[in-house]
């Protein structure tokens, strides 16, 4: 017969077993932070800025914002105002940001603002909302001190758009990089065209708090008004400070279908490593979509609370940048399932 005291003791032991396992894991990985992980070779420059902030005691939130601001301002990258336009010749930007408290903000279809990630942070901190879109997002940005930039395509984007107009076919290419030398991978295809348009960055700071960001110019020559996964909390990026954080790149519609980044975090909650969780999320997408993914890319990066970080992709050619005391801003070729 189980007494009340014995029942309480057994229940307490059972409830305490899982946190105890997590604590053992945490102790084993205690030196793996601060840490920064981001997508593609553009992440090397973004990581350098984020790492500088973390080493000077700044928060993960500051690091993920200011890190991707570097990419948003680059002329030679299809993120930000230099990115490829939609089918009407207009560049529209999406971004999201999330901190360790579950606070988050995002913008979608934003025009003529250089740093959509900073507008997303302002939405998080200065509005009662999570997402603002289109003209409303632009009005909010201007009301909060952001500058309106000229509506003019960058030279590369203008060239790409004129070439696209010859056939006006919407056929997104598989997002890949010719990784080659892992520390100096090119960001263009052989014909000089960029074929990915997103950067996502996750950071674990000195006090073991997580934050994440994601910013994009979206798929080139998309339908007017198209929004992908990047500004959608739980799809393009997600943070749970008890478990870890994840972010996505690739074909946004496919990431949205599985709530990809949230799925990766939940798989880590169930005990999977970041790499195994990313792989399992991609397997989920394959199970759902099958052959419809043969010409598409999905890739994830993830970091857990203890400072383990990794990435995984559907197709060959995805790379991620990793910066920690053990990884000196290395560009790493991710494993993949197809291709």
Protein backbone atom coordinates (compact mmCIF):
# COMPACT_ATOMS: atom_id res chain seq x y z
CA UNK A 1 0.00 0.00 0.00
CA UNK A 2 1.36 3.42 -0.98
CA UNK A 3 1.26 5.95 1.83
CA UNK A 4 0.71 9.65 1.18
CA UNK A 5 4.31 10.39 2.22
CA UNK A 6 5.69 7.67 -0.09
CA UNK A 7 3.54 8.91 -3.00
CA UNK A 8 4.79 12.48 -2.55
CA UNK A 9 8.40 11.27 -2.38
CA UNK A 10 8.03 9.17 -5.54
CA UNK A 11 6.33 12.02 -7.41
CA UNK A 12 9.05 14.47 -6.41
CA UNK A 13 11.78 12.10 -7.55
CA UNK A 14 10.05 11.54 -10.89
CA UNK A 15 9.52 15.26 -11.45
CA UNK A 16 13.12 16.01 -10.57
CA UNK A 17 14.71 13.41 -12.83
CA UNK A 18 14.36 15.33 -16.13
CA UNK A 19 15.75 18.66 -14.85
CA UNK A 20 18.63 16.73 -13.30
CA UNK A 21 19.49 15.22 -16.71
CA UNK A 22 19.38 18.68 -18.29
CA UNK A 23 21.68 20.05 -15.60
CA UNK A 24 24.25 17.33 -16.22
CA UNK A 25 24.21 18.21 -19.91
CA UNK A 26 24.54 21.90 -19.12
CA UNK A 27 27.54 21.28 -16.87
CA UNK A 28 29.23 19.29 -19.64
CA UNK A 29 28.82 22.18 -22.10
CA UNK A 30 29.29 25.09 -19.71
CA UNK A 31 32.16 26.69 -21.68
CA UNK A 32 30.38 26.84 -25.05
CA UNK A 33 29.09 30.38 -24.80
CA UNK A 34 29.05 33.08 -25.97
CA UNK A 35 28.30 31.69 -29.41
CA UNK A 36 27.02 32.98 -32.75
CA UNK A 37 25.71 30.92 -35.66
CA UNK A 38 24.31 32.27 -38.92
CA UNK A 39 23.37 31.17 -42.43
CA UNK A 40 25.53 31.27 -45.56
CA UNK A 41 28.91 32.89 -46.13
CA UNK A 42 27.47 36.36 -45.53
CA UNK A 43 27.19 35.14 -41.96
CA UNK A 44 30.96 35.48 -41.57
CA UNK A 45 30.71 39.28 -41.67
CA UNK A 46 27.55 39.33 -39.57
CA UNK A 47 29.10 36.97 -37.02
CA UNK A 48 32.16 39.17 -36.65
CA UNK A 49 30.02 42.12 -35.58
CA UNK A 50 27.82 40.01 -33.31
CA UNK A 51 30.87 38.42 -31.66
CA UNK A 52 32.44 41.82 -31.03
CA UNK A 53 29.32 42.88 -29.14
CA UNK A 54 29.09 39.66 -27.13
CA UNK A 55 32.75 39.80 -26.10
CA UNK A 56 32.14 43.33 -24.82
CA UNK A 57 29.28 42.12 -22.63
CA UNK A 58 26.39 43.16 -24.84
CA UNK A 59 23.18 41.14 -24.97
CA UNK A 60 22.32 38.43 -27.47
CA UNK A 61 19.50 40.70 -28.66
CA UNK A 62 21.91 43.51 -29.57
CA UNK A 63 24.18 40.98 -31.25
CA UNK A 64 21.52 39.44 -33.49
CA UNK A 65 20.23 42.83 -34.55
CA UNK A 66 23.53 44.54 -35.27
CA UNK A 67 25.05 41.44 -36.81
CA UNK A 68 22.51 41.19 -39.64
CA UNK A 69 22.51 44.97 -40.09
CA UNK A 70 25.93 44.43 -41.65
CA UNK A 71 24.37 42.17 -44.27
CA UNK A 72 21.41 44.46 -44.86
CA UNK A 73 23.82 47.25 -45.82
CA UNK A 74 25.98 45.18 -48.17
CA UNK A 75 25.72 45.94 -51.87
CA UNK A 76 27.03 42.55 -52.97
CA UNK A 77 24.43 40.44 -51.20
CA UNK A 78 20.78 39.72 -51.98
CA UNK A 79 19.57 40.88 -48.59
CA UNK A 80 18.29 44.38 -47.96
CA UNK A 81 17.64 47.14 -50.45
CA UNK A 82 20.28 45.82 -52.87
CA UNK A 83 18.29 42.60 -53.29
CA UNK A 84 16.32 41.44 -56.28
CA UNK A 85 12.87 43.05 -56.68
CA UNK A 86 9.45 41.46 -57.00
CA UNK A 87 7.82 40.91 -60.41
CA UNK A 88 6.76 44.59 -60.46
CA UNK A 89 10.35 45.77 -60.02
CA UNK A 90 10.00 46.82 -56.37
CA UNK A 91 12.24 45.62 -53.54
CA UNK A 92 10.26 44.56 -50.47
CA UNK A 93 11.85 43.43 -47.23
CA UNK A 94 10.86 41.06 -44.40
CA UNK A 95 12.50 40.59 -41.01
CA UNK A 96 11.91 39.18 -37.53
CA UNK A 97 13.63 39.31 -34.16
CA UNK A 98 13.03 37.52 -30.84
CA UNK A 99 14.63 37.72 -27.40
CA UNK A 100 15.03 35.38 -24.44
CA UNK A 101 11.81 36.59 -22.81
CA UNK A 102 9.60 35.56 -25.71
CA UNK A 103 9.24 39.15 -26.90
CA UNK A 104 9.23 39.34 -30.68
CA UNK A 105 8.59 41.67 -33.57
CA UNK A 106 8.50 41.47 -37.34
CA UNK A 107 7.83 43.40 -40.52
CA UNK A 108 6.81 42.20 -43.96
CA UNK A 109 6.58 43.81 -47.41
CA UNK A 110 8.49 46.83 -46.10
CA UNK A 111 9.80 49.25 -48.71
CA UNK A 112 12.61 51.85 -48.79
CA UNK A 113 13.97 51.20 -45.28
CA UNK A 114 17.61 50.08 -45.05
CA UNK A 115 17.34 48.08 -41.83
CA UNK A 116 14.10 46.10 -41.56
CA UNK A 117 15.58 44.15 -38.62
CA UNK A 118 15.71 47.36 -36.58
CA UNK A 119 12.14 48.20 -37.52
CA UNK A 120 11.17 44.70 -36.35
CA UNK A 121 12.87 45.39 -33.02
CA UNK A 122 10.99 48.67 -32.75
CA UNK A 123 7.72 46.82 -33.38
CA UNK A 124 8.66 44.49 -30.53
CA UNK A 125 9.65 47.25 -28.11
CA UNK A 126 7.44 50.20 -29.07
CA UNK A 127 4.15 48.72 -30.25
CA UNK A 128 1.51 46.36 -28.83
CA UNK A 129 1.86 44.13 -31.91
CA UNK A 130 4.12 41.38 -33.22
CA UNK A 131 3.91 42.07 -36.98
CA UNK A 132 3.36 45.12 -39.15
CA UNK A 133 3.21 44.92 -42.95
CA UNK A 134 3.39 47.03 -46.07
CA UNK A 135 2.53 50.70 -45.91
CA UNK A 136 1.67 50.44 -42.22
CA UNK A 137 5.12 49.07 -41.45
CA UNK A 138 6.72 51.89 -43.41
CA UNK A 139 4.62 54.53 -41.63
CA UNK A 140 5.61 53.04 -38.27
CA UNK A 141 9.28 53.11 -39.28
CA UNK A 142 9.14 56.77 -40.31
CA UNK A 143 7.31 57.70 -37.11
CA UNK A 144 10.14 56.09 -35.15
CA UNK A 145 12.97 57.94 -36.82
CA UNK A 146 13.90 55.66 -39.71
CA UNK A 147 14.92 57.28 -42.99
CA UNK A 148 13.17 56.67 -46.29
CA UNK A 149 15.65 55.55 -48.94
CA UNK A 150 15.26 56.18 -52.71
CA UNK A 151 13.23 53.60 -54.61
CA UNK A 152 16.06 52.59 -56.91
CA UNK A 153 17.41 49.16 -57.77
CA UNK A 154 21.06 48.33 -57.18
CA UNK A 155 23.08 47.79 -60.40
CA UNK A 156 23.09 43.99 -60.00
CA UNK A 157 19.39 43.85 -59.17
CA UNK A 158 18.50 46.06 -62.13
CA UNK A 159 20.52 43.83 -64.44
CA UNK A 160 18.88 40.71 -63.03
CA UNK A 161 15.41 42.20 -63.33
CA UNK A 162 15.89 43.20 -66.98
CA UNK A 163 17.08 39.69 -67.75
CA UNK A 164 14.08 38.19 -65.91
CA UNK A 165 11.63 40.37 -67.87
CA UNK A 166 12.62 38.62 -71.11
CA UNK A 167 10.59 35.55 -70.09
CA UNK A 168 8.94 36.68 -66.82
CA UNK A 169 8.93 33.14 -65.45
CA UNK A 170 8.88 32.54 -61.72
CA UNK A 171 11.18 29.55 -61.23
CA UNK A 172 13.15 29.90 -57.98
CA UNK A 173 16.52 28.19 -58.01
CA UNK A 174 17.71 25.83 -55.31
CA UNK A 175 19.48 27.90 -52.66
CA UNK A 176 23.10 26.73 -52.66
CA UNK A 177 26.66 28.03 -52.37
CA UNK A 178 29.79 26.64 -53.97
CA UNK A 179 31.38 26.09 -50.59
CA UNK A 180 34.75 24.85 -51.81
CA UNK A 181 37.17 26.42 -49.34
CA UNK A 182 35.17 26.43 -46.12
CA UNK A 183 36.71 29.68 -44.95
CA UNK A 184 36.19 31.65 -48.17
CA UNK A 185 33.14 30.43 -50.04
CA UNK A 186 31.87 32.56 -52.94
CA UNK A 187 28.41 34.05 -52.63
CA UNK A 188 27.57 33.96 -56.35
CA UNK A 189 26.75 31.34 -58.94
CA UNK A 190 29.00 30.85 -61.95
CA UNK A 191 26.95 33.35 -63.96
CA UNK A 192 27.37 36.00 -61.27
CA UNK A 193 23.86 35.73 -59.86
CA UNK A 194 23.06 35.35 -56.20
CA UNK A 195 20.71 32.48 -55.50
CA UNK A 196 19.81 32.99 -51.88
CA UNK A 197 18.35 36.00 -50.23
CA UNK A 198 18.19 35.48 -46.47
CA UNK A 199 20.43 35.72 -43.46
CA UNK A 200 19.43 34.32 -40.08
CA UNK A 201 21.56 34.70 -36.96
CA UNK A 202 21.27 33.12 -33.50
CA UNK A 203 23.28 34.15 -30.45
CA UNK A 204 23.90 32.81 -26.96
CA UNK A 205 25.40 35.52 -24.76
CA UNK A 206 27.67 35.60 -21.71
CA UNK A 207 24.80 35.04 -19.28
CA UNK A 208 23.40 32.19 -21.38
CA UNK A 209 20.45 34.10 -22.85
CA UNK A 210 19.37 33.42 -26.42
CA UNK A 211 18.08 35.68 -29.18
CA UNK A 212 17.49 35.31 -32.90
CA UNK A 213 17.03 37.38 -36.04
CA UNK A 214 16.15 36.78 -39.67
CA UNK A 215 16.10 39.26 -42.54
CA UNK A 216 15.47 38.92 -46.28
CA UNK A 217 14.58 40.62 -49.52
CA UNK A 218 12.51 37.57 -50.36
CA UNK A 219 12.61 35.45 -53.47
CA UNK A 220 13.55 37.45 -56.52
CA UNK A 221 10.68 38.27 -58.91
CA UNK A 222 8.07 36.96 -56.49
CA UNK A 223 4.43 37.89 -56.83
CA UNK A 224 3.66 41.35 -55.49
CA UNK A 225 2.72 40.94 -51.83
CA UNK A 226 4.35 37.52 -51.34
CA UNK A 227 5.67 36.93 -47.83
CA UNK A 228 7.89 33.99 -46.98
CA UNK A 229 8.89 32.38 -43.71
CA UNK A 230 11.46 34.93 -42.52
CA UNK A 231 9.13 37.35 -40.69
CA UNK A 232 6.88 34.60 -39.31
CA UNK A 233 7.73 33.75 -35.72
CA UNK A 234 7.98 29.97 -35.46
CA UNK A 235 8.66 29.50 -39.17
CA UNK A 236 11.70 31.54 -40.14
CA UNK A 237 13.03 31.87 -36.60
CA UNK A 238 12.12 30.89 -33.03
CA UNK A 239 13.65 31.23 -29.56
CA UNK A 240 12.82 29.41 -26.34
CA UNK A 241 15.30 30.39 -23.66
CA UNK A 242 14.75 27.16 -21.71
CA UNK A 243 15.69 25.00 -24.67
CA UNK A 244 17.33 26.71 -27.63
CA UNK A 245 16.79 28.64 -30.83
CA UNK A 246 16.48 27.84 -34.51
CA UNK A 247 16.24 29.64 -37.83
CA UNK A 248 15.58 28.73 -41.43
CA UNK A 249 16.61 29.57 -44.97
CA UNK A 250 15.56 28.25 -48.33
CA UNK A 251 12.10 27.95 -49.87
CA UNK A 252 9.93 29.87 -47.41
CA UNK A 253 6.62 28.28 -48.35
CA UNK A 254 7.98 24.85 -47.43
CA UNK A 255 9.32 26.09 -44.09
CA UNK A 256 5.95 27.66 -43.26
CA UNK A 257 4.14 24.39 -43.96
CA UNK A 258 5.94 22.66 -41.09
CA UNK A 259 6.38 25.71 -38.77
CA UNK A 260 10.01 24.78 -39.22
CA UNK A 261 11.99 26.70 -36.62
CA UNK A 262 9.47 26.04 -33.87
CA UNK A 263 9.55 22.36 -34.81
CA UNK A 264 13.35 22.27 -34.49
CA UNK A 265 13.19 23.84 -31.02
CA UNK A 266 10.51 21.40 -29.89
CA UNK A 267 12.59 18.49 -31.12
CA UNK A 268 15.49 19.80 -29.06
CA UNK A 269 13.13 20.00 -26.09
CA UNK A 270 12.53 16.28 -26.55
CA UNK A 271 16.25 15.65 -26.25
CA UNK A 272 17.60 15.83 -29.79
CA UNK A 273 20.87 17.60 -30.49
CA UNK A 274 20.70 20.72 -32.69
CA UNK A 275 21.93 18.78 -35.73
CA UNK A 276 19.54 15.87 -35.15
CA UNK A 277 16.64 18.27 -34.61
CA UNK A 278 17.37 20.12 -37.86
CA UNK A 279 17.60 16.83 -39.74
CA UNK A 280 14.36 15.54 -38.23
CA UNK A 281 12.52 18.72 -39.26
CA UNK A 282 13.69 18.27 -42.84
CA UNK A 283 12.58 14.64 -42.74
CA UNK A 284 9.16 15.91 -41.62
CA UNK A 285 9.02 18.18 -44.67
CA UNK A 286 9.96 15.30 -46.96
CA UNK A 287 7.27 13.11 -45.42
CA UNK A 288 4.71 15.85 -46.00
CA UNK A 289 5.74 16.99 -49.47
CA UNK A 290 7.74 14.16 -51.05
CA UNK A 291 8.81 14.75 -54.67
CA UNK A 292 7.52 18.32 -54.57
CA UNK A 293 10.79 19.18 -52.80
CA UNK A 294 13.15 17.77 -55.42
CA UNK A 295 13.97 21.21 -56.87
CA UNK A 296 13.78 23.16 -53.60
CA UNK A 297 16.02 23.86 -50.64
CA UNK A 298 15.26 23.92 -46.93
CA UNK A 299 17.97 24.44 -44.34
CA UNK A 300 18.04 25.08 -40.62
CA UNK A 301 20.53 26.26 -38.04
CA UNK A 302 20.04 25.65 -34.33
CA UNK A 303 21.72 26.21 -30.98
CA UNK A 304 20.71 24.75 -27.65
CA UNK A 305 20.93 26.30 -24.22
CA UNK A 306 24.23 24.57 -23.50
CA UNK A 307 26.04 26.00 -26.52
CA UNK A 308 25.85 23.13 -29.00
CA UNK A 309 25.18 24.45 -32.50
CA UNK A 310 24.76 22.97 -35.97
CA UNK A 311 22.95 23.15 -39.27
CA UNK A 312 21.39 20.70 -41.72
CA UNK A 313 19.94 20.97 -45.21
CA UNK A 314 17.61 19.26 -47.62
CA UNK A 315 19.97 19.71 -50.59
CA UNK A 316 23.74 19.83 -50.91
CA UNK A 317 25.28 23.31 -50.89
CA UNK A 318 24.14 24.94 -47.65
CA UNK A 319 26.79 26.47 -45.40
CA UNK A 320 26.61 28.11 -42.01
CA UNK A 321 29.04 30.32 -40.10
CA UNK A 322 29.94 29.49 -36.50
CA UNK A 323 31.79 31.72 -34.04
CA UNK A 324 32.70 30.70 -30.48
CA UNK A 325 35.79 30.20 -28.38
CA UNK A 326 36.13 26.81 -30.11
CA UNK A 327 35.19 27.95 -33.63
CA UNK A 328 36.96 31.05 -34.91
CA UNK A 329 34.22 32.21 -37.29
CA UNK A 330 34.35 29.09 -39.43
CA UNK A 331 32.24 28.48 -42.51
CA UNK A 332 30.93 24.93 -42.31
CA UNK A 333 29.42 22.84 -45.08
CA UNK A 334 26.23 21.36 -43.68
CA UNK A 335 25.22 17.74 -44.15
CA UNK A 336 22.19 17.14 -46.36
CA UNK A 337 19.58 14.53 -47.25
CA UNK A 338 18.98 14.93 -50.99
CA UNK A 339 20.87 16.00 -54.09
